C-alpha cells in the first residue's frame, strides 16, 4: 500500500475475483472454520510436546492439560472473536471468501475505538484476576 503495489486479484469459486489483499484469505468465516481454528488447535497440541522444556524454563509454573474438545472450541471461539474485532477496522475483509466477493459492511471507527479503549482498560483487571486465580502469579499456569 505504501509503495503503490496494487492489491492482488484472488480467484473465487463461484466466478470472478476478489480485489483485496491476502489478509482476507484468513479473515473470513469460512477460513476461520477450515483454516485458522484447525491451525490454532494443531499448534496448541504441538506446544504440549514442549511441556518438559517449558517446565524447565519456568520451574514454578503448573501445567494445565486441556482436552482435545476444549482446545478446539477455544481455538474456534478465539478465531471468531478476532474476526469480530477485525471486521470493524479492516476494509479488505471479504465475508464471502472463497465463494463470492462480499465487501465488509461493518467498518466502524467508533466500534474500533471502543474495542481499543476496552482492551486497554481491561489490562489491569485481567492481571489482578489472573493473580487471584493462580495463587499470586498471573502467569503461573501453562500453556
C-alpha atoms as a PDB file:
ATOM      1  CA  UNK A   1       0.000   0.000   0.000  1.00  0.00           C
ATOM      2  CA  UNK A   2       2.777   2.450   0.934  1.00  0.00           C
ATOM      3  CA  UNK A   3       4.886   1.578  -2.110  1.00  0.00           C
ATOM      4  CA  UNK A   4       1.990   1.688  -4.566  1.00  0.00           C
ATOM      5  CA  UNK A   5       1.935  -2.065  -5.180  1.00  0.00           C
ATOM      6  CA  UNK A   6      -1.587  -2.998  -6.342  1.00  0.00           C
ATOM      7  CA  UNK A   7      -3.707  -5.476  -4.412  1.00  0.00           C
ATOM      8  CA  UNK A   8      -3.629  -8.960  -5.912  1.00  0.00           C
ATOM      9  CA  UNK A   9      -6.699 -10.480  -7.525  1.00  0.00           C
ATOM     10  CA  UNK A  10      -7.696 -13.737  -5.864  1.00  0.00           C
ATOM     11  CA  UNK A  11      -9.998 -16.072  -7.849  1.00  0.00           C
ATOM     12  CA  UNK A  12     -13.328 -17.042  -6.263  1.00  0.00           C
ATOM     13  CA  UNK A  13     -15.071 -20.416  -6.542  1.00  0.00           C
ATOM     14  CA  UNK A  14     -18.317 -19.043  -7.986  1.00  0.00           C
ATOM     15  CA  UNK A  15     -16.509 -16.917 -10.558  1.00  0.00           C
ATOM     16  CA  UNK A  16     -14.893 -13.555 -10.527  1.00  0.00           C
ATOM     17  CA  UNK A  17     -12.068 -12.218  -8.459  1.00  0.00           C
ATOM     18  CA  UNK A  18     -11.725 -10.605  -5.059  1.00  0.00           C
ATOM     19  CA  UNK A  19      -9.613  -7.455  -5.234  1.00  0.00           C
ATOM     20  CA  UNK A  20      -8.342  -7.409  -1.685  1.00  0.00           C
ATOM     21  CA  UNK A  21      -5.035  -8.299  -0.109  1.00  0.00           C
ATOM     22  CA  UNK A  22      -4.079 -11.681   1.227  1.00  0.00           C
ATOM     23  CA  UNK A  23      -5.329 -10.619   4.649  1.00  0.00           C
ATOM     24  CA  UNK A  24      -8.830 -11.568   3.558  1.00  0.00           C
ATOM     25  CA  UNK A  25      -7.827 -15.190   2.973  1.00  0.00           C
ATOM     26  CA  UNK A  26      -7.534 -15.843   6.702  1.00  0.00           C
ATOM     27  CA  UNK A  27     -10.150 -13.304   7.780  1.00  0.00           C
ATOM     28  CA  UNK A  28     -13.476 -14.744   6.671  1.00  0.00           C
ATOM     29  CA  UNK A  29     -15.990 -17.014   8.415  1.00  0.00           C
ATOM     30  CA  UNK A  30     -15.153 -19.870   6.031  1.00  0.00           C
ATOM     31  CA  UNK A  31     -11.416 -19.536   6.678  1.00  0.00           C
ATOM     32  CA  UNK A  32     -11.963 -19.418  10.430  1.00  0.00           C
ATOM     33  CA  UNK A  33     -13.761 -22.769  10.222  1.00  0.00           C
ATOM     34  CA  UNK A  34     -11.480 -24.634   7.806  1.00  0.00           C
ATOM     35  CA  UNK A  35      -8.085 -22.934   8.182  1.00  0.00           C
ATOM     36  CA  UNK A  36      -7.495 -20.767  11.244  1.00  0.00           C
ATOM     37  CA  UNK A  37      -9.201 -22.795  14.012  1.00  0.00           C
ATOM     38  CA  UNK A  38      -7.680 -26.134  12.916  1.00  0.00           C
ATOM     39  CA  UNK A  39      -4.261 -24.460  12.620  1.00  0.00           C
ATOM     40  CA  UNK A  40      -4.508 -22.932  16.112  1.00  0.00           C
ATOM     41  CA  UNK A  41      -5.699 -26.264  17.511  1.00  0.00           C
ATOM     42  CA  UNK A  42      -2.766 -28.097  15.901  1.00  0.00           C
ATOM     43  CA  UNK A  43      -0.222 -25.536  17.089  1.00  0.00           C
ATOM     44  CA  UNK A  44      -1.582 -25.741  20.617  1.00  0.00           C
ATOM     45  CA  UNK A  45      -1.301 -29.525  20.648  1.00  0.00           C
ATOM     46  CA  UNK A  46       2.265 -29.273  19.283  1.00  0.00           C
ATOM     47  CA  UNK A  47       3.027 -26.849  22.134  1.00  0.00           C
ATOM     48  CA  UNK A  48       2.173 -29.664  24.549  1.00  0.00           C
ATOM     49  CA  UNK A  49       5.129 -31.626  23.137  1.00  0.00           C
ATOM     50  CA  UNK A  50       7.383 -28.963  24.643  1.00  0.00           C
ATOM     51  CA  UNK A  51       5.975 -29.472  28.130  1.00  0.00           C
ATOM     52  CA  UNK A  52       9.242 -30.784  29.701  1.00  0.00           C
ATOM     53  CA  UNK A  53      11.289 -27.933  28.223  1.00  0.00           C
ATOM     54  CA  UNK A  54       8.784 -25.249  29.234  1.00  0.00           C
ATOM     55  CA  UNK A  55       8.583 -26.591  32.788  1.00  0.00           C
ATOM     56  CA  UNK A  56      12.401 -26.486  32.983  1.00  0.00           C
ATOM     57  CA  UNK A  57      12.411 -22.873  31.819  1.00  0.00           C
ATOM     58  CA  UNK A  58       9.556 -21.923  34.199  1.00  0.00           C
ATOM     59  CA  UNK A  59      10.110 -24.232  37.207  1.00  0.00           C
ATOM     60  CA  UNK A  60       7.408 -22.664  39.380  1.00  0.00           C
ATOM     61  CA  UNK A  61       4.768 -22.997  36.657  1.00  0.00           C
ATOM     62  CA  UNK A  62       1.957 -25.514  36.710  1.00  0.00           C
ATOM     63  CA  UNK A  63       0.961 -27.330  33.514  1.00  0.00           C
ATOM     64  CA  UNK A  64      -2.758 -27.476  32.791  1.00  0.00           C
ATOM     65  CA  UNK A  65      -3.900 -30.272  30.480  1.00  0.00           C
ATOM     66  CA  UNK A  66      -6.870 -29.418  28.291  1.00  0.00           C
ATOM     67  CA  UNK A  67      -8.981 -31.933  26.423  1.00  0.00           C
ATOM     68  CA  UNK A  68      -8.919 -32.072  22.627  1.00  0.00           C
ATOM     69  CA  UNK A  69     -12.522 -30.882  22.536  1.00  0.00           C
ATOM     70  CA  UNK A  70     -11.950 -27.897  24.840  1.00  0.00           C
ATOM     71  CA  UNK A  71      -8.820 -26.934  22.916  1.00  0.00           C
ATOM     72  CA  UNK A  72     -10.654 -26.997  19.575  1.00  0.00           C
ATOM     73  CA  UNK A  73     -13.627 -24.966  20.828  1.00  0.00           C
ATOM     74  CA  UNK A  74     -11.262 -22.439  22.431  1.00  0.00           C
ATOM     75  CA  UNK A  75      -9.462 -22.046  19.093  1.00  0.00           C
ATOM     76  CA  UNK A  76     -12.805 -21.664  17.298  1.00  0.00           C
ATOM     77  CA  UNK A  77     -14.125 -19.089  19.771  1.00  0.00           C
ATOM     78  CA  UNK A  78     -10.861 -17.127  19.781  1.00  0.00           C
ATOM     79  CA  UNK A  79     -10.746 -17.082  15.981  1.00  0.00           C
ATOM     80  CA  UNK A  80     -14.304 -15.770  15.688  1.00  0.00           C
ATOM     81  CA  UNK A  81     -13.690 -13.134  18.382  1.00  0.00           C
ATOM     82  CA  UNK A  82     -10.609 -11.986  16.470  1.00  0.00           C
ATOM     83  CA  UNK A  83     -12.630 -11.839  13.235  1.00  0.00           C
ATOM     84  CA  UNK A  84     -15.388  -9.915  15.037  1.00  0.00           C
ATOM     85  CA  UNK A  85     -12.878  -7.298  16.176  1.00  0.00           C
ATOM     86  CA  UNK A  86     -11.166  -7.064  12.815  1.00  0.00           C
ATOM     87  CA  UNK A  87     -14.342  -6.525  10.769  1.00  0.00           C
ATOM     88  CA  UNK A  88     -14.763  -3.145  12.468  1.00  0.00           C
ATOM     89  CA  UNK A  89     -11.390  -1.865  11.244  1.00  0.00           C
ATOM     90  CA  UNK A  90     -10.201  -3.649   8.066  1.00  0.00           C
ATOM     91  CA  UNK A  91     -11.724  -2.876   4.684  1.00  0.00           C
ATOM     92  CA  UNK A  92     -10.018  -5.845   2.978  1.00  0.00           C
ATOM     93  CA  UNK A  93     -12.074  -8.495   4.797  1.00  0.00           C
ATOM     94  CA  UNK A  94     -14.285 -10.436   2.360  1.00  0.00           C
ATOM     95  CA  UNK A  95     -17.111 -12.112   4.283  1.00  0.00           C
ATOM     96  CA  UNK A  96     -17.980 -14.306   1.288  1.00  0.00           C
ATOM     97  CA  UNK A  97     -14.482 -15.651   0.629  1.00  0.00           C
ATOM     98  CA  UNK A  98     -13.769 -18.073  -1.147  1.00  0.00           C
ATOM     99  CA  UNK A  99     -17.170 -18.177  -2.838  1.00  0.00           C
ATOM    100  CA  UNK A 100     -18.247 -14.614  -3.687  1.00  0.00           C
ATOM    101  CA  UNK A 101     -16.991 -11.097  -3.121  1.00  0.00           C
ATOM    102  CA  UNK A 102     -18.910  -9.513  -0.229  1.00  0.00           C
ATOM    103  CA  UNK A 103     -17.379  -6.259   0.880  1.00  0.00           C
ATOM    104  CA  UNK A 104     -17.103  -5.642   4.606  1.00  0.00           C
ATOM    105  CA  UNK A 105     -20.174  -3.639   5.746  1.00  0.00           C
ATOM    106  CA  UNK A 106     -19.094  -3.479   9.394  1.00  0.00           C
ATOM    107  CA  UNK A 107     -16.271  -0.927   9.210  1.00  0.00           C
ATOM    108  CA  UNK A 108     -16.936   1.498  12.018  1.00  0.00           C
ATOM    109  CA  UNK A 109     -14.380   3.820  13.588  1.00  0.00           C
ATOM    110  CA  UNK A 110     -16.493   4.200  16.736  1.00  0.00           C
ATOM    111  CA  UNK A 111     -16.570   0.429  17.299  1.00  0.00           C
ATOM    112  CA  UNK A 112     -12.811   0.228  16.679  1.00  0.00           C
ATOM    113  CA  UNK A 113     -12.222   2.985  19.234  1.00  0.00           C
ATOM    114  CA  UNK A 114     -14.459   1.276  21.788  1.00  0.00           C
ATOM    115  CA  UNK A 115     -12.606  -2.038  21.322  1.00  0.00           C
ATOM    116  CA  UNK A 116      -9.272  -0.248  21.763  1.00  0.00           C
ATOM    117  CA  UNK A 117     -10.393   1.558  24.916  1.00  0.00           C
ATOM    118  CA  UNK A 118     -11.959  -1.596  26.403  1.00  0.00           C
ATOM    119  CA  UNK A 119      -8.822  -3.613  25.653  1.00  0.00           C
ATOM    120  CA  UNK A 120      -6.583  -1.049  27.346  1.00  0.00           C
ATOM    121  CA  UNK A 121      -8.959  -0.688  30.293  1.00  0.00           C
ATOM    122  CA  UNK A 122      -9.082  -4.450  30.866  1.00  0.00           C
ATOM    123  CA  UNK A 123      -5.313  -4.988  31.067  1.00  0.00           C
ATOM    124  CA  UNK A 124      -5.008  -4.281  34.806  1.00  0.00           C
ATOM    125  CA  UNK A 125      -8.213  -6.048  35.903  1.00  0.00           C
ATOM    126  CA  UNK A 126      -7.165  -9.114  33.904  1.00  0.00           C
ATOM    127  CA  UNK A 127      -3.754  -9.072  35.563  1.00  0.00           C
ATOM    128  CA  UNK A 128      -5.280  -8.981  39.061  1.00  0.00           C
ATOM    129  CA  UNK A 129      -7.857 -11.669  38.284  1.00  0.00           C
ATOM    130  CA  UNK A 130      -5.001 -13.835  36.970  1.00  0.00           C
ATOM    131  CA  UNK A 131      -3.079 -13.255  40.207  1.00  0.00           C
ATOM    132  CA  UNK A 132      -6.093 -14.261  42.295  1.00  0.00           C
ATOM    133  CA  UNK A 133      -6.818 -17.451  40.324  1.00  0.00           C
ATOM    134  CA  UNK A 134      -3.181 -18.527  40.068  1.00  0.00           C
ATOM    135  CA  UNK A 135      -2.045 -18.066  43.657  1.00  0.00           C
ATOM    136  CA  UNK A 136      -0.168 -14.795  43.334  1.00  0.00           C
ATOM    137  CA  UNK A 137       1.369 -15.195  39.904  1.00  0.00           C
ATOM    138  CA  UNK A 138      -0.806 -14.325  36.906  1.00  0.00           C
ATOM    139  CA  UNK A 139       1.474 -16.340  34.603  1.00  0.00           C
ATOM    140  CA  UNK A 140       1.811 -19.471  36.734  1.00  0.00           C
ATOM    141  CA  UNK A 141      -0.242 -21.844  34.601  1.00  0.00           C
ATOM    142  CA  UNK A 142       0.931 -23.136  31.221  1.00  0.00           C
ATOM    143  CA  UNK A 143       0.078 -23.390  28.313  1.00  0.00           C
END
